[in-house]
Amino acid sequence: MVLAGDFFVMDESQRSATGPVGPDLLGQVFDRHAAALEFYARQWCVNPEDVVQEALVLLAAEPQAPKDVVAWLHHVVRARAINASRAARRRKEHEARAARLEPGWLASPPGDIIDAAAAAAALVRLPAEEREVLIARIWSGLTFQQIGQLMGTSDSTAHRRYVTALAALRQELRIACPTND
């Protein structure tokens, strides 16, 4: 074994394995290559430790050790790291769209008395807890008991947040909204 920087590099006789993947092989691979694999994955993603752990779990699930364990792990780590990077980018884009509440989130049907864009803008300005209760009640049809369980509050707290949110929307939209709740 040769020391290269802070990483151990296996020579050719140590690269390949035969037989099933057992705890001894996993331990050796982890000890010798985990740091290098994390460094390799870091060029694509921000959570290389998770990617390396997933690759090691996949290796452990293999019925037979790959011919070249180190190359196989690098291949799996690379693919997983690129996927993690793509997922993080998509999640970030989705969160940005959700934060902006782009058109389409609410749409005004013809003849509707409430402007959807104004309602969406008013919803964005509500405190997050009030907005969550309002959406869960109106659009999801949850009961206050269900909302309370969902948010970890009492039924009465969920109801109070709902009433407060409705009042804020009525005031901002300048529309009198009769309520049955």
N, C-alpha and C. Protein backbone atom coordinates (compact mmCIF):
# COMPACT_ATOMS: atom_id res chain seq x y z
N MET A 1 0.85 -1.17 0.00
CA MET A 1 0.00 0.00 0.00
C MET A 1 0.90 1.24 0.00
N VAL A 2 0.52 2.24 -0.76
CA VAL A 2 1.30 3.45 -0.92
C VAL A 2 0.50 4.62 -0.35
N LEU A 3 1.16 5.51 0.35
CA LEU A 3 0.49 6.70 0.87
C LEU A 3 0.61 7.81 -0.16
N ALA A 4 -0.53 8.34 -0.59
CA ALA A 4 -0.54 9.44 -1.56
C ALA A 4 -1.27 10.60 -0.92
N GLY A 5 -0.53 11.60 -0.48
CA GLY A 5 -1.17 12.70 0.24
C GLY A 5 -1.73 12.14 1.54
N ASP A 6 -3.01 12.39 1.80
CA ASP A 6 -3.66 11.87 2.99
C ASP A 6 -4.45 10.59 2.70
N PHE A 7 -4.31 10.04 1.49
CA PHE A 7 -5.12 8.90 1.08
C PHE A 7 -4.25 7.68 0.83
N PHE A 8 -4.79 6.52 1.18
CA PHE A 8 -4.11 5.28 0.88
C PHE A 8 -4.53 4.82 -0.51
N VAL A 9 -3.57 4.35 -1.29
CA VAL A 9 -3.85 3.84 -2.62
C VAL A 9 -3.43 2.38 -2.63
N MET A 10 -4.34 1.51 -3.08
CA MET A 10 -4.04 0.08 -3.13
C MET A 10 -3.23 -0.21 -4.39
N ASP A 11 -2.29 -1.15 -4.28
CA ASP A 11 -1.61 -1.58 -5.50
C ASP A 11 -2.50 -2.58 -6.22
N GLU A 12 -2.10 -2.98 -7.43
CA GLU A 12 -2.95 -3.81 -8.29
C GLU A 12 -3.34 -5.13 -7.63
N SER A 13 -2.47 -5.72 -6.84
CA SER A 13 -2.80 -7.01 -6.23
C SER A 13 -3.89 -6.89 -5.17
N GLN A 14 -4.09 -5.69 -4.64
CA GLN A 14 -5.10 -5.48 -3.60
C GLN A 14 -6.41 -4.93 -4.16
N ARG A 15 -6.47 -4.56 -5.43
CA ARG A 15 -7.64 -3.92 -6.01
C ARG A 15 -8.82 -4.86 -6.20
N SER A 16 -8.60 -6.07 -6.60
CA SER A 16 -9.72 -6.94 -6.91
C SER A 16 -10.02 -7.87 -5.75
N ALA A 17 -11.28 -8.27 -5.67
CA ALA A 17 -11.72 -9.16 -4.60
C ALA A 17 -12.45 -10.33 -5.24
N THR A 18 -12.45 -11.42 -4.55
CA THR A 18 -13.22 -12.57 -5.01
C THR A 18 -14.10 -13.02 -3.86
N GLY A 19 -15.21 -13.66 -4.17
CA GLY A 19 -16.10 -14.16 -3.15
C GLY A 19 -17.15 -13.13 -2.76
N PRO A 20 -17.95 -13.50 -1.77
CA PRO A 20 -19.03 -12.60 -1.35
C PRO A 20 -18.48 -11.37 -0.63
N VAL A 21 -19.33 -10.36 -0.58
CA VAL A 21 -18.97 -9.13 0.13
C VAL A 21 -19.32 -9.35 1.60
N GLY A 22 -18.32 -9.37 2.42
CA GLY A 22 -18.53 -9.59 3.85
C GLY A 22 -18.07 -8.41 4.66
N PRO A 23 -18.23 -8.49 5.97
CA PRO A 23 -17.83 -7.37 6.83
C PRO A 23 -16.34 -7.06 6.78
N ASP A 24 -15.51 -8.09 6.57
CA ASP A 24 -14.06 -7.83 6.51
C ASP A 24 -13.72 -6.97 5.29
N LEU A 25 -14.27 -7.36 4.14
CA LEU A 25 -14.02 -6.58 2.92
C LEU A 25 -14.57 -5.17 3.06
N LEU A 26 -15.79 -5.04 3.57
CA LEU A 26 -16.37 -3.71 3.76
C LEU A 26 -15.50 -2.85 4.68
N GLY A 27 -15.03 -3.43 5.76
CA GLY A 27 -14.18 -2.70 6.69
C GLY A 27 -12.89 -2.24 6.04
N GLN A 28 -12.27 -3.13 5.26
CA GLN A 28 -11.03 -2.77 4.57
C GLN A 28 -11.27 -1.66 3.55
N VAL A 29 -12.33 -1.81 2.78
CA VAL A 29 -12.65 -0.80 1.76
C VAL A 29 -12.93 0.54 2.43
N PHE A 30 -13.71 0.51 3.50
CA PHE A 30 -14.03 1.76 4.20
C PHE A 30 -12.75 2.41 4.73
N ASP A 31 -11.94 1.62 5.43
CA ASP A 31 -10.72 2.17 6.02
C ASP A 31 -9.78 2.76 4.98
N ARG A 32 -9.67 2.10 3.84
CA ARG A 32 -8.69 2.51 2.83
C ARG A 32 -9.22 3.55 1.85
N HIS A 33 -10.55 3.60 1.62
CA HIS A 33 -11.03 4.41 0.51
C HIS A 33 -12.14 5.41 0.85
N ALA A 34 -12.70 5.37 2.02
CA ALA A 34 -13.83 6.26 2.33
C ALA A 34 -13.46 7.73 2.16
N ALA A 35 -12.32 8.12 2.68
CA ALA A 35 -11.92 9.53 2.58
C ALA A 35 -11.72 9.95 1.13
N ALA A 36 -11.07 9.10 0.35
CA ALA A 36 -10.84 9.42 -1.07
C ALA A 36 -12.17 9.45 -1.83
N LEU A 37 -13.08 8.53 -1.51
CA LEU A 37 -14.38 8.51 -2.18
C LEU A 37 -15.19 9.76 -1.84
N GLU A 38 -15.13 10.19 -0.58
CA GLU A 38 -15.82 11.42 -0.19
C GLU A 38 -15.24 12.63 -0.93
N PHE A 39 -13.94 12.68 -1.02
CA PHE A 39 -13.29 13.77 -1.74
C PHE A 39 -13.69 13.74 -3.21
N TYR A 40 -13.75 12.56 -3.80
CA TYR A 40 -14.16 12.38 -5.20
C TYR A 40 -15.60 12.86 -5.40
N ALA A 41 -16.50 12.50 -4.49
CA ALA A 41 -17.91 12.86 -4.61
C ALA A 41 -18.15 14.35 -4.38
N ARG A 42 -17.29 14.97 -3.59
CA ARG A 42 -17.49 16.38 -3.23
C ARG A 42 -17.46 17.31 -4.45
N GLN A 43 -16.86 16.88 -5.53
CA GLN A 43 -16.83 17.75 -6.72
C GLN A 43 -18.20 17.89 -7.36
N TRP A 44 -19.14 17.00 -7.02
CA TRP A 44 -20.48 17.08 -7.59
C TRP A 44 -21.55 17.46 -6.57
N CYS A 45 -21.38 17.08 -5.32
CA CYS A 45 -22.47 17.28 -4.37
C CYS A 45 -21.96 17.81 -3.04
N VAL A 46 -22.91 18.26 -2.23
CA VAL A 46 -22.56 18.83 -0.92
C VAL A 46 -22.71 17.82 0.22
N ASN A 47 -23.16 16.62 -0.10
CA ASN A 47 -23.33 15.60 0.94
C ASN A 47 -22.59 14.31 0.55
N PRO A 48 -21.27 14.39 0.37
CA PRO A 48 -20.53 13.23 -0.10
C PRO A 48 -20.54 12.05 0.87
N GLU A 49 -20.66 12.34 2.15
CA GLU A 49 -20.69 11.25 3.13
C GLU A 49 -21.89 10.34 2.88
N ASP A 50 -23.04 10.95 2.58
CA ASP A 50 -24.25 10.16 2.31
C ASP A 50 -24.07 9.32 1.05
N VAL A 51 -23.46 9.90 0.05
CA VAL A 51 -23.26 9.20 -1.22
C VAL A 51 -22.35 7.99 -1.02
N VAL A 52 -21.27 8.18 -0.28
CA VAL A 52 -20.34 7.07 -0.02
C VAL A 52 -21.04 5.99 0.81
N GLN A 53 -21.82 6.40 1.78
CA GLN A 53 -22.55 5.41 2.59
C GLN A 53 -23.50 4.60 1.71
N GLU A 54 -24.22 5.27 0.81
CA GLU A 54 -25.12 4.56 -0.10
C GLU A 54 -24.35 3.56 -0.97
N ALA A 55 -23.19 3.97 -1.45
CA ALA A 55 -22.38 3.09 -2.28
C ALA A 55 -21.91 1.87 -1.49
N LEU A 56 -21.52 2.07 -0.25
CA LEU A 56 -21.09 0.94 0.58
C LEU A 56 -22.25 0.01 0.89
N VAL A 57 -23.43 0.55 1.09
CA VAL A 57 -24.61 -0.28 1.32
C VAL A 57 -24.91 -1.11 0.07
N LEU A 58 -24.79 -0.49 -1.09
CA LEU A 58 -24.99 -1.23 -2.34
C LEU A 58 -23.94 -2.33 -2.50
N LEU A 59 -22.70 -2.03 -2.14
CA LEU A 59 -21.64 -3.04 -2.20
C LEU A 59 -21.96 -4.20 -1.27
N ALA A 60 -22.42 -3.90 -0.08
CA ALA A 60 -22.77 -4.95 0.88
C ALA A 60 -23.91 -5.83 0.37
N ALA A 61 -24.78 -5.26 -0.46
CA ALA A 61 -25.92 -6.01 -0.98
C ALA A 61 -25.54 -6.89 -2.18
N GLU A 62 -24.36 -6.68 -2.73
CA GLU A 62 -23.92 -7.49 -3.88
C GLU A 62 -23.68 -8.94 -3.43
N PRO A 63 -24.21 -9.90 -4.17
CA PRO A 63 -24.00 -11.30 -3.80
C PRO A 63 -22.55 -11.73 -4.01
N GLN A 64 -21.88 -11.09 -4.96
CA GLN A 64 -20.49 -11.40 -5.27
C GLN A 64 -19.74 -10.08 -5.39
N ALA A 65 -18.56 -10.01 -4.84
CA ALA A 65 -17.77 -8.79 -4.92
C ALA A 65 -17.44 -8.48 -6.38
N PRO A 66 -17.52 -7.21 -6.78
CA PRO A 66 -17.15 -6.85 -8.15
C PRO A 66 -15.68 -7.20 -8.41
N LYS A 67 -15.34 -7.38 -9.68
CA LYS A 67 -13.98 -7.76 -10.05
C LYS A 67 -12.97 -6.73 -9.53
N ASP A 68 -13.31 -5.46 -9.71
CA ASP A 68 -12.45 -4.38 -9.22
C ASP A 68 -13.30 -3.52 -8.29
N VAL A 69 -13.22 -3.79 -7.00
CA VAL A 69 -14.06 -3.14 -6.01
C VAL A 69 -13.87 -1.63 -6.00
N VAL A 70 -12.64 -1.19 -6.10
CA VAL A 70 -12.35 0.24 -6.02
C VAL A 70 -12.94 0.97 -7.22
N ALA A 71 -12.76 0.43 -8.41
CA ALA A 71 -13.33 1.06 -9.61
C ALA A 71 -14.86 1.04 -9.54
N TRP A 72 -15.42 -0.07 -9.09
CA TRP A 72 -16.88 -0.19 -8.96
C TRP A 72 -17.41 0.87 -8.01
N LEU A 73 -16.76 1.04 -6.86
CA LEU A 73 -17.20 2.04 -5.89
C LEU A 73 -17.10 3.46 -6.47
N HIS A 74 -16.03 3.74 -7.19
CA HIS A 74 -15.91 5.07 -7.80
C HIS A 74 -17.02 5.30 -8.81
N HIS A 75 -17.35 4.28 -9.59
CA HIS A 75 -18.43 4.40 -10.56
C HIS A 75 -19.76 4.69 -9.85
N VAL A 76 -20.06 3.94 -8.79
CA VAL A 76 -21.32 4.12 -8.06
C VAL A 76 -21.34 5.47 -7.36
N VAL A 77 -20.24 5.86 -6.73
CA VAL A 77 -20.17 7.15 -6.04
C VAL A 77 -20.37 8.29 -7.02
N ARG A 78 -19.74 8.19 -8.19
CA ARG A 78 -19.89 9.24 -9.20
C ARG A 78 -21.34 9.38 -9.62
N ALA A 79 -21.99 8.27 -9.95
CA ALA A 79 -23.39 8.31 -10.38
C ALA A 79 -24.29 8.85 -9.28
N ARG A 80 -24.09 8.38 -8.06
CA ARG A 80 -24.91 8.85 -6.94
C ARG A 80 -24.68 10.33 -6.64
N ALA A 81 -23.44 10.78 -6.73
CA ALA A 81 -23.14 12.18 -6.45
C ALA A 81 -23.76 13.10 -7.50
N ILE A 82 -23.70 12.69 -8.76
CA ILE A 82 -24.32 13.49 -9.82
C ILE A 82 -25.83 13.52 -9.62
N ASN A 83 -26.43 12.38 -9.27
CA ASN A 83 -27.88 12.35 -8.99
C ASN A 83 -28.23 13.23 -7.80
N ALA A 84 -27.41 13.20 -6.76
CA ALA A 84 -27.67 14.04 -5.59
C ALA A 84 -27.59 15.52 -5.96
N SER A 85 -26.64 15.87 -6.81
CA SER A 85 -26.51 17.25 -7.26
C SER A 85 -27.73 17.68 -8.05
N ARG A 86 -28.19 16.82 -8.96
CA ARG A 86 -29.39 17.14 -9.74
C ARG A 86 -30.61 17.28 -8.85
N ALA A 87 -30.75 16.38 -7.89
CA ALA A 87 -31.89 16.45 -6.98
C ALA A 87 -31.85 17.74 -6.16
N ALA A 88 -30.68 18.12 -5.70
CA ALA A 88 -30.56 19.36 -4.92
C ALA A 88 -30.91 20.57 -5.78
N ARG A 89 -30.46 20.57 -7.04
CA ARG A 89 -30.79 21.67 -7.94
C ARG A 89 -32.29 21.74 -8.20
N ARG A 90 -32.92 20.58 -8.46
CA ARG A 90 -34.37 20.57 -8.69
C ARG A 90 -35.12 21.02 -7.45
N ARG A 91 -34.68 20.56 -6.29
CA ARG A 91 -35.34 20.95 -5.04
C ARG A 91 -35.22 22.45 -4.83
N LYS A 92 -34.05 23.00 -5.11
CA LYS A 92 -33.84 24.44 -4.94
C LYS A 92 -34.73 25.23 -5.91
N GLU A 93 -34.82 24.78 -7.16
CA GLU A 93 -35.68 25.45 -8.14
C GLU A 93 -37.15 25.36 -7.73
N HIS A 94 -37.55 24.18 -7.25
CA HIS A 94 -38.94 24.00 -6.81
C HIS A 94 -39.25 24.91 -5.62
N GLU A 95 -38.33 24.97 -4.67
CA GLU A 95 -38.55 25.82 -3.50
C GLU A 95 -38.61 27.29 -3.90
N ALA A 96 -37.79 27.69 -4.86
CA ALA A 96 -37.82 29.09 -5.32
C ALA A 96 -39.15 29.39 -6.00
N ARG A 97 -39.64 28.46 -6.83
CA ARG A 97 -40.95 28.66 -7.47
C ARG A 97 -42.05 28.72 -6.43
N ALA A 98 -42.00 27.83 -5.45
CA ALA A 98 -43.03 27.81 -4.41
C ALA A 98 -42.99 29.10 -3.59
N ALA A 99 -41.80 29.61 -3.34
CA ALA A 99 -41.69 30.85 -2.56
C ALA A 99 -42.27 32.04 -3.32
N ARG A 100 -42.14 32.01 -4.64
CA ARG A 100 -42.69 33.09 -5.45
C ARG A 100 -44.17 32.92 -5.71
N LEU A 101 -44.68 31.72 -5.50
CA LEU A 101 -46.07 31.39 -5.82
C LEU A 101 -46.41 31.87 -7.22
N GLU A 102 -45.73 31.28 -8.20
CA GLU A 102 -45.90 31.67 -9.59
C GLU A 102 -47.35 31.53 -10.02
N PRO A 103 -47.75 32.25 -11.06
CA PRO A 103 -49.12 32.12 -11.57
C PRO A 103 -49.42 30.66 -11.86
N GLY A 104 -50.66 30.31 -11.64
CA GLY A 104 -51.05 28.92 -11.81
C GLY A 104 -51.31 28.26 -10.47
N TRP A 105 -50.72 28.81 -9.44
CA TRP A 105 -50.96 28.25 -8.11
C TRP A 105 -52.42 28.49 -7.75
N LEU A 106 -52.88 29.66 -8.02
CA LEU A 106 -54.29 30.00 -7.91
C LEU A 106 -54.69 30.60 -9.25
N ALA A 107 -55.80 30.17 -9.76
CA ALA A 107 -56.28 30.72 -11.04
C ALA A 107 -57.71 31.20 -10.85
N SER A 108 -58.00 32.35 -11.42
CA SER A 108 -59.35 32.91 -11.32
C SER A 108 -60.22 32.36 -12.44
N PRO A 109 -61.27 31.61 -12.09
CA PRO A 109 -62.20 31.21 -13.14
C PRO A 109 -62.99 32.43 -13.60
N PRO A 110 -63.50 32.39 -14.83
CA PRO A 110 -64.28 33.54 -15.31
C PRO A 110 -65.44 33.85 -14.36
N GLY A 111 -65.64 35.12 -14.08
CA GLY A 111 -66.73 35.56 -13.21
C GLY A 111 -66.42 35.44 -11.73
N ASP A 112 -65.22 35.04 -11.36
CA ASP A 112 -64.87 34.91 -9.95
C ASP A 112 -64.77 36.29 -9.32
N ILE A 113 -65.21 36.42 -8.06
CA ILE A 113 -65.21 37.73 -7.41
C ILE A 113 -63.86 38.06 -6.77
N ILE A 114 -62.97 37.08 -6.66
CA ILE A 114 -61.66 37.31 -6.05
C ILE A 114 -60.59 37.16 -7.12
N ASP A 115 -59.70 38.11 -7.19
CA ASP A 115 -58.58 38.07 -8.12
C ASP A 115 -57.55 37.07 -7.58
N ALA A 116 -57.25 36.05 -8.37
CA ALA A 116 -56.35 34.99 -7.92
C ALA A 116 -54.95 35.52 -7.61
N ALA A 117 -54.46 36.42 -8.42
CA ALA A 117 -53.11 36.97 -8.19
C ALA A 117 -53.06 37.75 -6.88
N ALA A 118 -54.11 38.53 -6.61
CA ALA A 118 -54.16 39.28 -5.36
C ALA A 118 -54.28 38.33 -4.16
N ALA A 119 -55.07 37.27 -4.32
CA ALA A 119 -55.23 36.30 -3.24
C ALA A 119 -53.92 35.57 -2.98
N ALA A 120 -53.21 35.18 -4.05
CA ALA A 120 -51.92 34.50 -3.89
C ALA A 120 -50.93 35.42 -3.19
N ALA A 121 -50.91 36.69 -3.59
CA ALA A 121 -50.00 37.65 -2.96
C ALA A 121 -50.35 37.83 -1.48
N ALA A 122 -51.64 37.86 -1.18
CA ALA A 122 -52.07 38.01 0.21
C ALA A 122 -51.69 36.77 1.02
N LEU A 123 -51.81 35.59 0.42
CA LEU A 123 -51.43 34.36 1.11
C LEU A 123 -49.94 34.36 1.45
N VAL A 124 -49.13 34.83 0.53
CA VAL A 124 -47.69 34.87 0.75
C VAL A 124 -47.34 35.74 1.95
N ARG A 125 -48.10 36.81 2.14
CA ARG A 125 -47.80 37.73 3.24
C ARG A 125 -48.29 37.25 4.60
N LEU A 126 -49.12 36.22 4.62
CA LEU A 126 -49.56 35.66 5.90
C LEU A 126 -48.40 34.97 6.60
N PRO A 127 -48.41 34.96 7.93
CA PRO A 127 -47.41 34.15 8.64
C PRO A 127 -47.56 32.68 8.21
N ALA A 128 -46.46 31.97 8.16
CA ALA A 128 -46.43 30.59 7.64
C ALA A 128 -47.45 29.69 8.35
N GLU A 129 -47.56 29.81 9.66
CA GLU A 129 -48.49 28.93 10.41
C GLU A 129 -49.94 29.21 10.03
N GLU A 130 -50.28 30.48 9.88
CA GLU A 130 -51.65 30.83 9.49
C GLU A 130 -51.94 30.38 8.06
N ARG A 131 -50.96 30.57 7.17
CA ARG A 131 -51.14 30.16 5.78
C ARG A 131 -51.33 28.64 5.70
N GLU A 132 -50.54 27.89 6.46
CA GLU A 132 -50.65 26.43 6.45
C GLU A 132 -52.03 25.98 6.91
N VAL A 133 -52.54 26.57 8.00
CA VAL A 133 -53.86 26.21 8.50
C VAL A 133 -54.93 26.55 7.46
N LEU A 134 -54.85 27.73 6.89
CA LEU A 134 -55.85 28.17 5.91
C LEU A 134 -55.88 27.23 4.70
N ILE A 135 -54.73 26.90 4.18
CA ILE A 135 -54.67 26.01 3.02
C ILE A 135 -55.15 24.60 3.38
N ALA A 136 -54.74 24.12 4.54
CA ALA A 136 -55.17 22.79 4.96
C ALA A 136 -56.68 22.72 5.16
N ARG A 137 -57.27 23.80 5.65
CA ARG A 137 -58.72 23.83 5.89
C ARG A 137 -59.51 24.03 4.59
N ILE A 138 -59.15 25.04 3.83
CA ILE A 138 -59.94 25.40 2.65
C ILE A 138 -59.67 24.46 1.47
N TRP A 139 -58.40 24.29 1.12
CA TRP A 139 -58.09 23.52 -0.09
C TRP A 139 -58.01 22.01 0.17
N SER A 140 -57.57 21.61 1.36
CA SER A 140 -57.46 20.18 1.65
C SER A 140 -58.68 19.63 2.37
N GLY A 141 -59.48 20.53 2.95
CA GLY A 141 -60.70 20.10 3.63
C GLY A 141 -60.46 19.38 4.95
N LEU A 142 -59.31 19.61 5.57
CA LEU A 142 -59.03 18.97 6.86
C LEU A 142 -59.85 19.62 7.98
N THR A 143 -60.14 18.84 8.98
CA THR A 143 -60.83 19.37 10.16
C THR A 143 -59.80 20.07 11.04
N PHE A 144 -60.28 20.85 11.99
CA PHE A 144 -59.34 21.52 12.89
C PHE A 144 -58.61 20.50 13.76
N GLN A 145 -59.26 19.40 14.08
CA GLN A 145 -58.60 18.34 14.83
C GLN A 145 -57.45 17.76 14.00
N GLN A 146 -57.68 17.49 12.73
CA GLN A 146 -56.64 16.97 11.85
C GLN A 146 -55.50 17.98 11.68
N ILE A 147 -55.86 19.24 11.52
CA ILE A 147 -54.84 20.28 11.37
C ILE A 147 -54.01 20.39 12.64
N GLY A 148 -54.68 20.34 13.78
CA GLY A 148 -53.96 20.40 15.05
C GLY A 148 -52.96 19.25 15.17
N GLN A 149 -53.38 18.05 14.82
CA GLN A 149 -52.49 16.90 14.87
C GLN A 149 -51.33 17.07 13.89
N LEU A 150 -51.64 17.54 12.69
CA LEU A 150 -50.63 17.75 11.66
C LEU A 150 -49.56 18.75 12.12
N MET A 151 -50.00 19.82 12.76
CA MET A 151 -49.09 20.89 13.14
C MET A 151 -48.58 20.78 14.58
N GLY A 152 -49.06 19.78 15.30
CA GLY A 152 -48.62 19.62 16.68
C GLY A 152 -49.19 20.67 17.62
N THR A 153 -50.43 21.10 17.36
CA THR A 153 -51.09 22.10 18.20
C THR A 153 -52.47 21.57 18.59
N SER A 154 -53.16 22.33 19.38
CA SER A 154 -54.51 21.94 19.77
C SER A 154 -55.49 22.33 18.66
N ASP A 155 -56.70 21.75 18.73
CA ASP A 155 -57.75 22.09 17.78
C ASP A 155 -58.06 23.58 17.85
N SER A 156 -58.10 24.10 19.07
CA SER A 156 -58.47 25.51 19.24
C SER A 156 -57.39 26.44 18.69
N THR A 157 -56.13 26.06 18.81
CA THR A 157 -55.06 26.88 18.23
C THR A 157 -55.16 26.88 16.71
N ALA A 158 -55.44 25.72 16.13
CA ALA A 158 -55.61 25.64 14.68
C ALA A 158 -56.78 26.52 14.25
N HIS A 159 -57.88 26.47 15.00
CA HIS A 159 -59.06 27.29 14.66
C HIS A 159 -58.74 28.78 14.79
N ARG A 160 -58.03 29.14 15.86
CA ARG A 160 -57.66 30.55 16.06
C ARG A 160 -56.79 31.05 14.92
N ARG A 161 -55.83 30.26 14.47
CA ARG A 161 -54.97 30.66 13.36
C ARG A 161 -55.78 30.79 12.07
N TYR A 162 -56.73 29.92 11.88
CA TYR A 162 -57.60 29.97 10.70
C TYR A 162 -58.41 31.26 10.69
N VAL A 163 -59.04 31.58 11.82
CA VAL A 163 -59.86 32.79 11.93
C VAL A 163 -58.99 34.03 11.73
N THR A 164 -57.81 34.03 12.31
CA THR A 164 -56.88 35.15 12.16
C THR A 164 -56.46 35.32 10.70
N ALA A 165 -56.18 34.21 10.02
CA ALA A 165 -55.77 34.26 8.62
C ALA A 165 -56.91 34.77 7.75
N LEU A 166 -58.13 34.28 8.00
CA LEU A 166 -59.28 34.76 7.22
C LEU A 166 -59.49 36.26 7.40
N ALA A 167 -59.37 36.72 8.63
CA ALA A 167 -59.55 38.14 8.91
C ALA A 167 -58.50 38.97 8.17
N ALA A 168 -57.26 38.48 8.17
CA ALA A 168 -56.20 39.21 7.48
C ALA A 168 -56.46 39.25 5.97
N LEU A 169 -56.92 38.13 5.41
CA LEU A 169 -57.23 38.11 3.98
C LEU A 169 -58.40 39.02 3.65
N ARG A 170 -59.45 38.99 4.48
CA ARG A 170 -60.61 39.87 4.25
C ARG A 170 -60.17 41.32 4.22
N GLN A 171 -59.34 41.68 5.19
CA GLN A 171 -58.89 43.06 5.28
C GLN A 171 -58.03 43.43 4.07
N GLU A 172 -57.11 42.59 3.72
CA GLU A 172 -56.21 42.92 2.61
C GLU A 172 -56.93 42.93 1.27
N LEU A 173 -57.83 41.98 1.05
CA LEU A 173 -58.55 41.90 -0.22
C LEU A 173 -59.79 42.79 -0.25
N ARG A 174 -60.14 43.34 0.91
CA ARG A 174 -61.30 44.21 1.06
C ARG A 174 -62.57 43.54 0.55
N ILE A 175 -62.73 42.29 0.98
CA ILE A 175 -63.91 41.51 0.59
C ILE A 175 -64.52 40.92 1.86
N ALA A 176 -65.82 41.10 1.99
CA ALA A 176 -66.52 40.48 3.10
C ALA A 176 -66.77 39.02 2.74
N CYS A 177 -66.24 38.12 3.55
CA CYS A 177 -66.39 36.70 3.26
C CYS A 177 -67.20 36.05 4.36
N PRO A 178 -68.41 35.63 4.08
CA PRO A 178 -69.17 34.90 5.10
C PRO A 178 -68.50 33.56 5.35
N THR A 179 -68.57 33.09 6.56
CA THR A 179 -67.92 31.83 6.91
C THR A 179 -68.89 30.96 7.69
N ASN A 180 -68.76 29.69 7.50
CA ASN A 180 -69.56 28.71 8.24
C ASN A 180 -68.77 28.06 9.35
N ASP A 181 -67.50 28.44 9.48
CA ASP A 181 -66.62 27.80 10.47
C ASP A 181 -66.57 28.58 11.74
